[in-house]
Amino acid sequence: MTIALNSTSHKDNVHVPYTKPTPANASSYQPTHPSLLKVVLQQGQGADGEDSYSSFLVAEKDLPANAVITRLTNLTTGTKAYSSVQHGNGEHDHFELNSDLLFAQDVEQERYPAEWNLRTLSRPVAKGEVLTFFYPSTEWDMGAPFDCNCGESNCLGTIRGAKHLSLAQLKQQEFINLHIMQRKLDEAS
């Protein structure tokens, strides 16, 4: 289930240090949204024989369609990185979520990032359901491309950002950030 971030008016944003959960800190990790979302860590062995792990986010309760789940707080200005969210087309238009929401975000750029909420899209999310997001909806050219494991029939394979997709591929998605769509339209004209 893809979820998104949208903007409303919020003015207070106090930064609290955030440590991403890993197998090494799993026993001491404190979730940022425990009644809403849960980070799941899976350990395994990669094709190269090295230990590896993956992580994803699941809903901790049923969430209705088209609903605000939580307000975004604890954002900080960032740079292009695997953990940042692009919110405009400027070179420095990135921010860090500094929360478990790192594992599930789409951004609708209408206002300053401190004014955004996490929301569901057009269908409800069931408790225990894995939350996903479409990275090219926020990222033009990703700093750390990766192979997708979404399992959807329309999976793109390697995720590199909207720059590497056609306008038609972007239009197939339920939600695309305004700055990404505008840049793709400008590129097509």
N, C-alpha and C. Protein backbone atom coordinates (compact mmCIF):
# COMPACT_ATOMS: atom_id res chain seq x y z
N MET A 1 0.85 -1.18 0.00
CA MET A 1 0.00 0.00 0.00
C MET A 1 0.88 1.23 0.00
N THR A 2 0.72 2.07 -0.97
CA THR A 2 1.50 3.30 -1.02
C THR A 2 0.83 4.37 -0.17
N ILE A 3 1.65 5.10 0.56
CA ILE A 3 1.18 6.23 1.35
C ILE A 3 1.88 7.48 0.86
N ALA A 4 1.42 8.63 1.30
CA ALA A 4 1.97 9.89 0.81
C ALA A 4 2.06 10.90 1.95
N LEU A 5 2.83 11.96 1.69
CA LEU A 5 2.91 13.09 2.60
C LEU A 5 2.25 14.28 1.91
N ASN A 6 1.44 15.00 2.63
CA ASN A 6 0.87 16.21 2.06
C ASN A 6 0.98 17.34 3.07
N SER A 7 0.81 18.57 2.60
CA SER A 7 1.07 19.71 3.47
C SER A 7 -0.20 20.30 4.05
N THR A 8 -0.07 20.77 5.28
CA THR A 8 -1.07 21.58 5.96
C THR A 8 -0.27 22.57 6.80
N SER A 9 -0.93 23.40 7.52
CA SER A 9 -0.20 24.43 8.25
C SER A 9 0.21 23.96 9.64
N HIS A 10 1.52 23.80 9.85
CA HIS A 10 2.12 23.48 11.14
C HIS A 10 3.36 24.36 11.28
N LYS A 11 3.58 24.90 12.42
CA LYS A 11 4.71 25.82 12.58
C LYS A 11 5.80 25.32 13.51
N ASP A 12 5.51 24.37 14.41
CA ASP A 12 6.53 23.95 15.36
C ASP A 12 7.24 22.68 14.87
N ASN A 13 8.56 22.73 14.84
CA ASN A 13 9.36 21.60 14.40
C ASN A 13 10.63 21.58 15.23
N VAL A 14 10.63 20.79 16.29
CA VAL A 14 11.77 20.69 17.18
C VAL A 14 12.52 19.40 16.83
N HIS A 15 13.81 19.51 16.59
CA HIS A 15 14.61 18.35 16.19
C HIS A 15 14.99 17.48 17.39
N VAL A 16 14.76 16.17 17.24
CA VAL A 16 15.16 15.18 18.23
C VAL A 16 16.07 14.19 17.49
N PRO A 17 17.24 13.85 18.02
CA PRO A 17 18.14 12.91 17.33
C PRO A 17 17.43 11.59 17.02
N TYR A 18 17.71 11.03 15.86
CA TYR A 18 17.09 9.77 15.42
C TYR A 18 18.17 8.79 15.01
N THR A 19 18.05 7.57 15.47
CA THR A 19 18.94 6.50 15.07
C THR A 19 18.12 5.44 14.34
N LYS A 20 18.46 5.19 13.09
CA LYS A 20 17.76 4.20 12.29
C LYS A 20 17.95 2.82 12.92
N PRO A 21 16.87 2.02 13.00
CA PRO A 21 17.01 0.68 13.58
C PRO A 21 17.85 -0.23 12.70
N THR A 22 18.69 -1.02 13.33
CA THR A 22 19.52 -2.01 12.65
C THR A 22 19.53 -3.27 13.51
N PRO A 23 20.00 -4.39 12.98
CA PRO A 23 20.10 -5.58 13.83
C PRO A 23 20.96 -5.34 15.08
N ALA A 24 21.98 -4.51 14.96
CA ALA A 24 22.88 -4.24 16.09
C ALA A 24 22.20 -3.48 17.22
N ASN A 25 21.23 -2.61 16.91
CA ASN A 25 20.58 -1.83 17.97
C ASN A 25 19.11 -2.20 18.17
N ALA A 26 18.68 -3.31 17.60
CA ALA A 26 17.26 -3.70 17.64
C ALA A 26 16.71 -3.79 19.06
N SER A 27 17.48 -4.26 20.01
CA SER A 27 16.97 -4.42 21.38
C SER A 27 16.81 -3.09 22.11
N SER A 28 17.56 -2.07 21.71
CA SER A 28 17.46 -0.77 22.39
C SER A 28 16.73 0.28 21.57
N TYR A 29 16.37 -0.04 20.35
CA TYR A 29 15.71 0.91 19.45
C TYR A 29 14.35 1.33 19.99
N GLN A 30 14.06 2.64 19.91
CA GLN A 30 12.78 3.19 20.33
C GLN A 30 12.01 3.67 19.11
N PRO A 31 10.87 3.05 18.77
CA PRO A 31 10.09 3.47 17.60
C PRO A 31 9.59 4.91 17.75
N THR A 32 9.46 5.60 16.63
CA THR A 32 8.99 6.99 16.67
C THR A 32 7.47 7.10 16.59
N HIS A 33 6.79 6.10 16.05
CA HIS A 33 5.32 6.12 15.92
C HIS A 33 4.76 4.75 16.31
N PRO A 34 4.98 4.29 17.55
CA PRO A 34 4.67 2.91 17.93
C PRO A 34 3.21 2.51 17.81
N SER A 35 2.28 3.42 17.98
CA SER A 35 0.87 3.04 17.87
C SER A 35 0.38 3.00 16.43
N LEU A 36 1.17 3.53 15.50
CA LEU A 36 0.76 3.60 14.10
C LEU A 36 1.55 2.68 13.17
N LEU A 37 2.87 2.67 13.34
CA LEU A 37 3.75 2.02 12.38
C LEU A 37 4.84 1.24 13.08
N LYS A 38 5.30 0.17 12.44
CA LYS A 38 6.35 -0.66 13.02
C LYS A 38 7.41 -0.95 11.96
N VAL A 39 8.67 -0.76 12.31
CA VAL A 39 9.77 -1.12 11.44
C VAL A 39 10.08 -2.60 11.66
N VAL A 40 10.14 -3.35 10.57
CA VAL A 40 10.48 -4.77 10.63
C VAL A 40 11.86 -4.95 10.03
N LEU A 41 12.75 -5.58 10.76
CA LEU A 41 14.10 -5.88 10.28
C LEU A 41 14.18 -7.36 9.97
N GLN A 42 14.74 -7.68 8.80
CA GLN A 42 14.94 -9.08 8.42
C GLN A 42 16.42 -9.30 8.16
N GLN A 43 16.99 -10.26 8.85
CA GLN A 43 18.39 -10.59 8.63
C GLN A 43 18.49 -11.80 7.71
N GLY A 44 19.56 -11.84 6.94
CA GLY A 44 19.78 -12.96 6.04
C GLY A 44 21.20 -12.96 5.54
N GLN A 45 21.38 -13.67 4.45
CA GLN A 45 22.70 -13.73 3.84
C GLN A 45 22.55 -13.34 2.38
N GLY A 46 23.38 -12.40 1.94
CA GLY A 46 23.35 -11.95 0.57
C GLY A 46 23.92 -12.97 -0.39
N ALA A 47 23.77 -12.72 -1.69
CA ALA A 47 24.29 -13.61 -2.72
C ALA A 47 25.80 -13.78 -2.61
N ASP A 48 26.46 -12.78 -2.03
CA ASP A 48 27.92 -12.85 -1.87
C ASP A 48 28.34 -13.60 -0.61
N GLY A 49 27.36 -14.13 0.14
CA GLY A 49 27.67 -14.87 1.35
C GLY A 49 27.80 -14.00 2.59
N GLU A 50 27.77 -12.69 2.42
CA GLU A 50 27.88 -11.76 3.55
C GLU A 50 26.53 -11.61 4.24
N ASP A 51 26.57 -11.33 5.56
CA ASP A 51 25.34 -11.05 6.29
C ASP A 51 24.70 -9.79 5.72
N SER A 52 23.38 -9.81 5.63
CA SER A 52 22.67 -8.63 5.14
C SER A 52 21.37 -8.51 5.92
N TYR A 53 20.73 -7.38 5.79
CA TYR A 53 19.41 -7.22 6.36
C TYR A 53 18.61 -6.25 5.51
N SER A 54 17.31 -6.39 5.60
CA SER A 54 16.41 -5.46 4.94
C SER A 54 15.44 -4.96 5.99
N SER A 55 14.76 -3.90 5.68
CA SER A 55 13.81 -3.33 6.62
C SER A 55 12.62 -2.79 5.85
N PHE A 56 11.47 -2.80 6.51
CA PHE A 56 10.26 -2.25 5.91
C PHE A 56 9.32 -1.83 7.03
N LEU A 57 8.26 -1.13 6.64
CA LEU A 57 7.32 -0.56 7.60
C LEU A 57 5.97 -1.25 7.44
N VAL A 58 5.32 -1.58 8.55
CA VAL A 58 3.97 -2.15 8.52
C VAL A 58 3.04 -1.30 9.39
N ALA A 59 1.76 -1.36 9.05
CA ALA A 59 0.74 -0.64 9.82
C ALA A 59 0.49 -1.38 11.13
N GLU A 60 0.40 -0.66 12.22
CA GLU A 60 0.10 -1.24 13.53
C GLU A 60 -1.39 -1.20 13.85
N LYS A 61 -2.18 -0.58 12.95
CA LYS A 61 -3.63 -0.58 13.11
C LYS A 61 -4.24 -0.33 11.74
N ASP A 62 -5.54 -0.59 11.59
CA ASP A 62 -6.23 -0.31 10.34
C ASP A 62 -6.25 1.19 10.11
N LEU A 63 -5.99 1.59 8.86
CA LEU A 63 -5.98 3.01 8.48
C LEU A 63 -6.94 3.22 7.33
N PRO A 64 -7.87 4.17 7.44
CA PRO A 64 -8.84 4.39 6.37
C PRO A 64 -8.19 5.02 5.13
N ALA A 65 -8.85 4.90 4.00
CA ALA A 65 -8.38 5.51 2.75
C ALA A 65 -8.42 7.03 2.86
N ASN A 66 -7.52 7.68 2.15
CA ASN A 66 -7.49 9.15 2.05
C ASN A 66 -7.53 9.85 3.41
N ALA A 67 -6.79 9.32 4.35
CA ALA A 67 -6.82 9.86 5.71
C ALA A 67 -5.44 10.33 6.14
N VAL A 68 -5.42 11.38 6.94
CA VAL A 68 -4.17 11.82 7.56
C VAL A 68 -3.86 10.82 8.67
N ILE A 69 -2.63 10.27 8.65
CA ILE A 69 -2.20 9.30 9.66
C ILE A 69 -1.51 10.01 10.81
N THR A 70 -0.57 10.89 10.47
CA THR A 70 0.16 11.62 11.50
C THR A 70 0.81 12.86 10.88
N ARG A 71 1.07 13.81 11.71
CA ARG A 71 1.78 15.02 11.30
C ARG A 71 3.28 14.72 11.25
N LEU A 72 3.97 15.31 10.29
CA LEU A 72 5.42 15.16 10.20
C LEU A 72 6.08 16.15 11.13
N THR A 73 6.98 15.66 11.93
CA THR A 73 7.77 16.52 12.81
C THR A 73 9.22 16.04 12.75
N ASN A 74 10.11 16.76 13.32
CA ASN A 74 11.52 16.40 13.46
C ASN A 74 12.29 16.43 12.14
N LEU A 75 11.83 17.22 11.18
CA LEU A 75 12.52 17.33 9.89
C LEU A 75 13.74 18.24 10.01
N THR A 76 14.78 17.91 9.26
CA THR A 76 15.95 18.78 9.17
C THR A 76 16.37 18.91 7.72
N THR A 77 16.99 20.02 7.39
CA THR A 77 17.50 20.23 6.05
C THR A 77 18.57 19.18 5.78
N GLY A 78 18.54 18.64 4.57
CA GLY A 78 19.50 17.60 4.21
C GLY A 78 20.09 17.83 2.84
N THR A 79 20.87 16.89 2.40
CA THR A 79 21.43 16.89 1.06
C THR A 79 21.02 15.58 0.40
N LYS A 80 21.22 15.48 -0.90
CA LYS A 80 20.86 14.28 -1.64
C LYS A 80 21.58 13.08 -1.02
N ALA A 81 20.78 12.12 -0.51
CA ALA A 81 21.32 10.93 0.14
C ALA A 81 20.26 9.84 0.08
N TYR A 82 20.64 8.62 0.39
CA TYR A 82 19.67 7.51 0.36
C TYR A 82 18.52 7.76 1.33
N SER A 83 18.74 8.53 2.38
CA SER A 83 17.74 8.74 3.41
C SER A 83 16.99 10.06 3.29
N SER A 84 17.35 10.90 2.31
CA SER A 84 16.69 12.21 2.21
C SER A 84 15.46 12.14 1.31
N VAL A 85 14.62 13.15 1.42
CA VAL A 85 13.45 13.31 0.58
C VAL A 85 13.63 14.60 -0.20
N GLN A 86 13.46 14.52 -1.50
CA GLN A 86 13.57 15.71 -2.35
C GLN A 86 12.21 16.40 -2.36
N HIS A 87 12.19 17.69 -2.09
CA HIS A 87 10.92 18.41 -2.02
C HIS A 87 10.85 19.56 -3.01
N GLY A 88 11.78 19.68 -3.91
CA GLY A 88 11.78 20.72 -4.94
C GLY A 88 12.87 20.41 -5.94
N ASN A 89 13.02 21.28 -6.92
CA ASN A 89 14.01 21.03 -7.98
C ASN A 89 15.33 21.75 -7.77
N GLY A 90 15.48 22.46 -6.66
CA GLY A 90 16.75 23.11 -6.36
C GLY A 90 17.79 22.10 -5.89
N GLU A 91 19.04 22.44 -6.06
CA GLU A 91 20.13 21.54 -5.69
C GLU A 91 20.08 21.13 -4.22
N HIS A 92 19.62 22.01 -3.35
CA HIS A 92 19.60 21.73 -1.92
C HIS A 92 18.19 21.48 -1.37
N ASP A 93 17.25 21.15 -2.24
CA ASP A 93 15.86 20.92 -1.82
C ASP A 93 15.66 19.47 -1.35
N HIS A 94 16.31 19.14 -0.23
CA HIS A 94 16.19 17.83 0.39
C HIS A 94 16.02 18.01 1.89
N PHE A 95 15.34 17.08 2.52
CA PHE A 95 15.25 17.08 3.97
C PHE A 95 15.31 15.65 4.48
N GLU A 96 15.66 15.52 5.74
CA GLU A 96 15.69 14.24 6.43
C GLU A 96 14.45 14.14 7.31
N LEU A 97 13.80 12.98 7.31
CA LEU A 97 12.61 12.76 8.12
C LEU A 97 12.94 12.53 9.59
N ASN A 98 14.11 11.97 9.89
CA ASN A 98 14.54 11.73 11.28
C ASN A 98 13.49 10.97 12.08
N SER A 99 12.91 9.95 11.46
CA SER A 99 11.91 9.12 12.13
C SER A 99 11.74 7.82 11.35
N ASP A 100 10.90 6.94 11.88
CA ASP A 100 10.60 5.70 11.19
C ASP A 100 9.91 5.94 9.85
N LEU A 101 9.40 7.13 9.63
CA LEU A 101 8.76 7.46 8.36
C LEU A 101 9.76 7.42 7.21
N LEU A 102 11.05 7.37 7.53
CA LEU A 102 12.08 7.16 6.53
C LEU A 102 11.74 5.97 5.65
N PHE A 103 11.03 5.00 6.20
CA PHE A 103 10.71 3.78 5.48
C PHE A 103 9.44 3.88 4.66
N ALA A 104 8.76 5.00 4.65
CA ALA A 104 7.52 5.14 3.88
C ALA A 104 7.19 6.60 3.65
N GLN A 105 7.52 7.13 2.50
CA GLN A 105 7.17 8.51 2.23
C GLN A 105 6.97 8.80 0.76
N ASP A 106 5.99 9.61 0.47
CA ASP A 106 5.82 10.32 -0.79
C ASP A 106 5.53 11.74 -0.36
N VAL A 107 5.93 12.70 -1.13
CA VAL A 107 5.82 14.09 -0.69
C VAL A 107 5.04 14.90 -1.70
N GLU A 108 4.06 15.63 -1.23
CA GLU A 108 3.35 16.57 -2.07
C GLU A 108 3.86 17.95 -1.71
N GLN A 109 4.58 18.56 -2.63
CA GLN A 109 5.20 19.85 -2.33
C GLN A 109 4.23 20.98 -2.61
N GLU A 110 3.67 21.53 -1.57
CA GLU A 110 2.84 22.71 -1.67
C GLU A 110 3.32 23.79 -0.73
N ARG A 111 3.94 23.37 0.38
CA ARG A 111 4.38 24.30 1.41
C ARG A 111 5.72 23.85 1.94
N TYR A 112 6.23 24.59 2.90
CA TYR A 112 7.49 24.24 3.56
C TYR A 112 7.39 22.84 4.16
N PRO A 113 8.45 22.02 4.11
CA PRO A 113 8.37 20.65 4.60
C PRO A 113 7.85 20.48 6.03
N ALA A 114 8.05 21.42 6.90
CA ALA A 114 7.56 21.29 8.28
C ALA A 114 6.04 21.36 8.36
N GLU A 115 5.37 21.51 7.24
CA GLU A 115 3.92 21.62 7.22
C GLU A 115 3.26 20.40 6.58
N TRP A 116 3.88 19.24 6.64
CA TRP A 116 3.36 18.06 5.96
C TRP A 116 2.81 17.02 6.92
N ASN A 117 1.87 16.24 6.41
CA ASN A 117 1.27 15.11 7.12
C ASN A 117 1.49 13.84 6.32
N LEU A 118 1.55 12.71 7.00
CA LEU A 118 1.56 11.41 6.37
C LEU A 118 0.11 11.02 6.14
N ARG A 119 -0.23 10.51 4.96
CA ARG A 119 -1.62 10.14 4.67
C ARG A 119 -1.66 8.87 3.82
N THR A 120 -2.79 8.21 3.88
CA THR A 120 -3.02 7.07 3.01
C THR A 120 -3.51 7.59 1.66
N LEU A 121 -3.46 6.73 0.66
CA LEU A 121 -3.98 7.10 -0.65
C LEU A 121 -5.40 6.56 -0.80
N SER A 122 -5.78 6.09 -1.97
CA SER A 122 -7.19 5.81 -2.27
C SER A 122 -7.76 4.52 -1.70
N ARG A 123 -6.97 3.70 -1.05
CA ARG A 123 -7.55 2.51 -0.43
C ARG A 123 -7.06 2.41 1.02
N PRO A 124 -7.86 1.75 1.86
CA PRO A 124 -7.45 1.62 3.25
C PRO A 124 -6.23 0.72 3.40
N VAL A 125 -5.58 0.82 4.55
CA VAL A 125 -4.43 -0.01 4.89
C VAL A 125 -4.85 -0.88 6.07
N ALA A 126 -4.67 -2.18 5.95
CA ALA A 126 -5.02 -3.10 7.03
C ALA A 126 -3.87 -3.24 8.02
N LYS A 127 -4.21 -3.47 9.27
CA LYS A 127 -3.19 -3.72 10.29
C LYS A 127 -2.29 -4.86 9.81
N GLY A 128 -0.98 -4.66 9.93
CA GLY A 128 -0.01 -5.67 9.50
C GLY A 128 0.42 -5.55 8.05
N GLU A 129 -0.25 -4.69 7.28
CA GLU A 129 0.08 -4.53 5.86
C GLU A 129 1.39 -3.75 5.71
N VAL A 130 2.20 -4.19 4.76
CA VAL A 130 3.46 -3.50 4.46
C VAL A 130 3.14 -2.19 3.74
N LEU A 131 3.75 -1.11 4.20
CA LEU A 131 3.57 0.20 3.56
C LEU A 131 4.69 0.41 2.56
N THR A 132 4.34 0.91 1.40
CA THR A 132 5.32 1.15 0.35
C THR A 132 5.21 2.59 -0.13
N PHE A 133 6.18 2.99 -0.90
CA PHE A 133 6.11 4.30 -1.55
C PHE A 133 6.84 4.21 -2.88
N PHE A 134 6.49 5.11 -3.76
CA PHE A 134 7.04 5.16 -5.10
C PHE A 134 8.12 6.23 -5.11
N TYR A 135 9.37 5.82 -4.96
CA TYR A 135 10.49 6.76 -4.84
C TYR A 135 10.52 7.81 -5.95
N PRO A 136 10.28 7.45 -7.22
CA PRO A 136 10.32 8.49 -8.25
C PRO A 136 9.26 9.58 -8.09
N SER A 137 8.32 9.40 -7.17
CA SER A 137 7.34 10.47 -6.93
C SER A 137 7.97 11.66 -6.23
N THR A 138 9.13 11.44 -5.59
CA THR A 138 9.83 12.54 -4.91
C THR A 138 11.24 12.75 -5.42
N GLU A 139 11.85 11.72 -5.99
CA GLU A 139 13.27 11.77 -6.33
C GLU A 139 13.49 11.83 -7.83
N TRP A 140 14.20 12.85 -8.30
CA TRP A 140 14.50 13.00 -9.72
C TRP A 140 15.61 12.04 -10.15
N ASP A 141 16.72 12.05 -9.46
CA ASP A 141 17.86 11.20 -9.79
C ASP A 141 18.47 10.75 -8.47
N MET A 142 18.22 9.52 -8.10
CA MET A 142 18.55 9.06 -6.76
C MET A 142 20.04 8.90 -6.52
N GLY A 143 20.47 9.26 -5.32
CA GLY A 143 21.86 9.14 -4.93
C GLY A 143 22.27 7.69 -4.73
N ALA A 144 21.32 6.81 -4.42
CA ALA A 144 21.62 5.40 -4.18
C ALA A 144 20.53 4.54 -4.82
N PRO A 145 20.60 4.30 -6.14
CA PRO A 145 19.61 3.42 -6.78
C PRO A 145 19.62 2.04 -6.13
N PHE A 146 18.50 1.32 -6.27
CA PHE A 146 18.40 -0.01 -5.66
C PHE A 146 17.46 -0.88 -6.47
N ASP A 147 17.57 -2.18 -6.28
CA ASP A 147 16.64 -3.12 -6.91
C ASP A 147 15.40 -3.23 -6.05
N CYS A 148 14.25 -3.03 -6.66
CA CYS A 148 12.98 -3.04 -5.93
C CYS A 148 12.55 -4.47 -5.62
N ASN A 149 11.90 -4.63 -4.49
CA ASN A 149 11.35 -5.93 -4.07
C ASN A 149 9.85 -5.83 -3.81
N CYS A 150 9.17 -4.89 -4.47
CA CYS A 150 7.76 -4.65 -4.16
C CYS A 150 6.86 -5.82 -4.56
N GLY A 151 7.24 -6.57 -5.58
CA GLY A 151 6.43 -7.70 -6.01
C GLY A 151 5.21 -7.34 -6.84
N GLU A 152 5.03 -6.07 -7.15
CA GLU A 152 3.88 -5.65 -7.95
C GLU A 152 4.08 -6.04 -9.41
N SER A 153 2.97 -6.23 -10.13
CA SER A 153 3.06 -6.63 -11.54
C SER A 153 3.70 -5.54 -12.41
N ASN A 154 3.60 -4.31 -11.98
CA ASN A 154 4.19 -3.19 -12.75
C ASN A 154 5.50 -2.70 -12.13
N CYS A 155 6.20 -3.57 -11.39
CA CYS A 155 7.46 -3.20 -10.75
C CYS A 155 8.45 -2.69 -11.80
N LEU A 156 9.20 -1.66 -11.45
CA LEU A 156 10.16 -1.06 -12.36
C LEU A 156 11.53 -1.73 -12.33
N GLY A 157 11.75 -2.66 -11.40
CA GLY A 157 13.06 -3.32 -11.31
C GLY A 157 14.02 -2.46 -10.51
N THR A 158 14.97 -1.83 -11.19
CA THR A 158 15.91 -0.94 -10.52
C THR A 158 15.30 0.45 -10.39
N ILE A 159 15.30 0.97 -9.19
CA ILE A 159 14.72 2.28 -8.92
C ILE A 159 15.85 3.31 -8.92
N ARG A 160 15.76 4.27 -9.86
CA ARG A 160 16.82 5.27 -10.01
C ARG A 160 16.31 6.70 -9.92
N GLY A 161 14.99 6.89 -9.99
CA GLY A 161 14.41 8.22 -9.94
C GLY A 161 13.60 8.53 -11.18
N ALA A 162 12.82 9.60 -11.11
CA ALA A 162 11.91 9.98 -12.20
C ALA A 162 12.64 10.34 -13.49
N LYS A 163 13.85 10.81 -13.39
CA LYS A 163 14.64 11.16 -14.57
C LYS A 163 14.74 9.98 -15.53
N HIS A 164 14.72 8.78 -15.01
CA HIS A 164 14.94 7.57 -15.79
C HIS A 164 13.64 6.90 -16.22
N LEU A 165 12.50 7.57 -16.02
CA LEU A 165 11.20 7.05 -16.40
C LEU A 165 10.56 7.93 -17.46
N SER A 166 9.62 7.37 -18.17
CA SER A 166 8.87 8.16 -19.16
C SER A 166 7.73 8.89 -18.45
N LEU A 167 7.21 9.89 -19.13
CA LEU A 167 6.05 10.61 -18.61
C LEU A 167 4.88 9.65 -18.44
N ALA A 168 4.72 8.72 -19.38
CA ALA A 168 3.64 7.74 -19.29
C ALA A 168 3.78 6.87 -18.04
N GLN A 169 4.99 6.45 -17.70
CA GLN A 169 5.21 5.65 -16.50
C GLN A 169 4.84 6.43 -15.25
N LEU A 170 5.17 7.70 -15.21
CA LEU A 170 4.82 8.52 -14.05
C LEU A 170 3.31 8.71 -13.95
N LYS A 171 2.65 8.92 -15.07
CA LYS A 171 1.21 9.16 -15.07
C LYS A 171 0.41 7.92 -14.65
N GLN A 172 1.02 6.75 -14.69
CA GLN A 172 0.35 5.53 -14.24
C GLN A 172 0.22 5.47 -12.73
N GLN A 173 0.97 6.28 -12.03
CA GLN A 173 0.97 6.26 -10.57
C GLN A 173 -0.17 7.10 -10.01
N GLU A 174 -0.67 6.71 -8.86
CA GLU A 174 -1.75 7.46 -8.22
C GLU A 174 -1.29 8.83 -7.72
N PHE A 175 -0.04 8.92 -7.32
CA PHE A 175 0.44 10.16 -6.72
C PHE A 175 1.86 10.46 -7.19
N ILE A 176 2.06 11.63 -7.77
CA ILE A 176 3.39 12.12 -8.15
C ILE A 176 3.54 13.52 -7.60
N ASN A 177 4.65 13.78 -6.96
CA ASN A 177 4.96 15.08 -6.40
C ASN A 177 4.91 16.16 -7.49
N LEU A 178 4.43 17.32 -7.14
CA LEU A 178 4.30 18.40 -8.11
C LEU A 178 5.63 18.80 -8.74
N HIS A 179 6.71 18.86 -7.96
CA HIS A 179 7.99 19.28 -8.53
C HIS A 179 8.53 18.24 -9.51
N ILE A 180 8.25 16.97 -9.29
CA ILE A 180 8.69 15.92 -10.21
C ILE A 180 7.89 15.99 -11.51
N MET A 181 6.59 16.10 -11.40
CA MET A 181 5.75 16.15 -12.61
C MET A 181 6.08 17.38 -13.44
N GLN A 182 6.29 18.53 -12.79
CA GLN A 182 6.62 19.74 -13.54
C GLN A 182 7.95 19.57 -14.28
N ARG A 183 8.93 19.00 -13.62
CA ARG A 183 10.24 18.81 -14.25
C ARG A 183 10.13 17.84 -15.43
N LYS A 184 9.32 16.78 -15.30
CA LYS A 184 9.15 15.81 -16.39
C LYS A 184 8.41 16.47 -17.55
N LEU A 185 7.42 17.29 -17.26
CA LEU A 185 6.69 18.01 -18.32
C LEU A 185 7.60 19.00 -19.03
N ASP A 186 8.45 19.70 -18.27
CA ASP A 186 9.40 20.63 -18.86
C ASP A 186 10.38 19.89 -19.76
N GLU A 187 10.81 18.73 -19.33
CA GLU A 187 11.75 17.92 -20.11
C GLU A 187 11.11 17.45 -21.43
N ALA A 188 9.82 17.15 -21.38
CA ALA A 188 9.12 16.64 -22.57
C ALA A 188 8.80 17.73 -23.59
N SER A 189 8.81 18.98 -23.16
CA SER A 189 8.44 20.07 -24.10
C SER A 189 9.63 20.63 -24.82
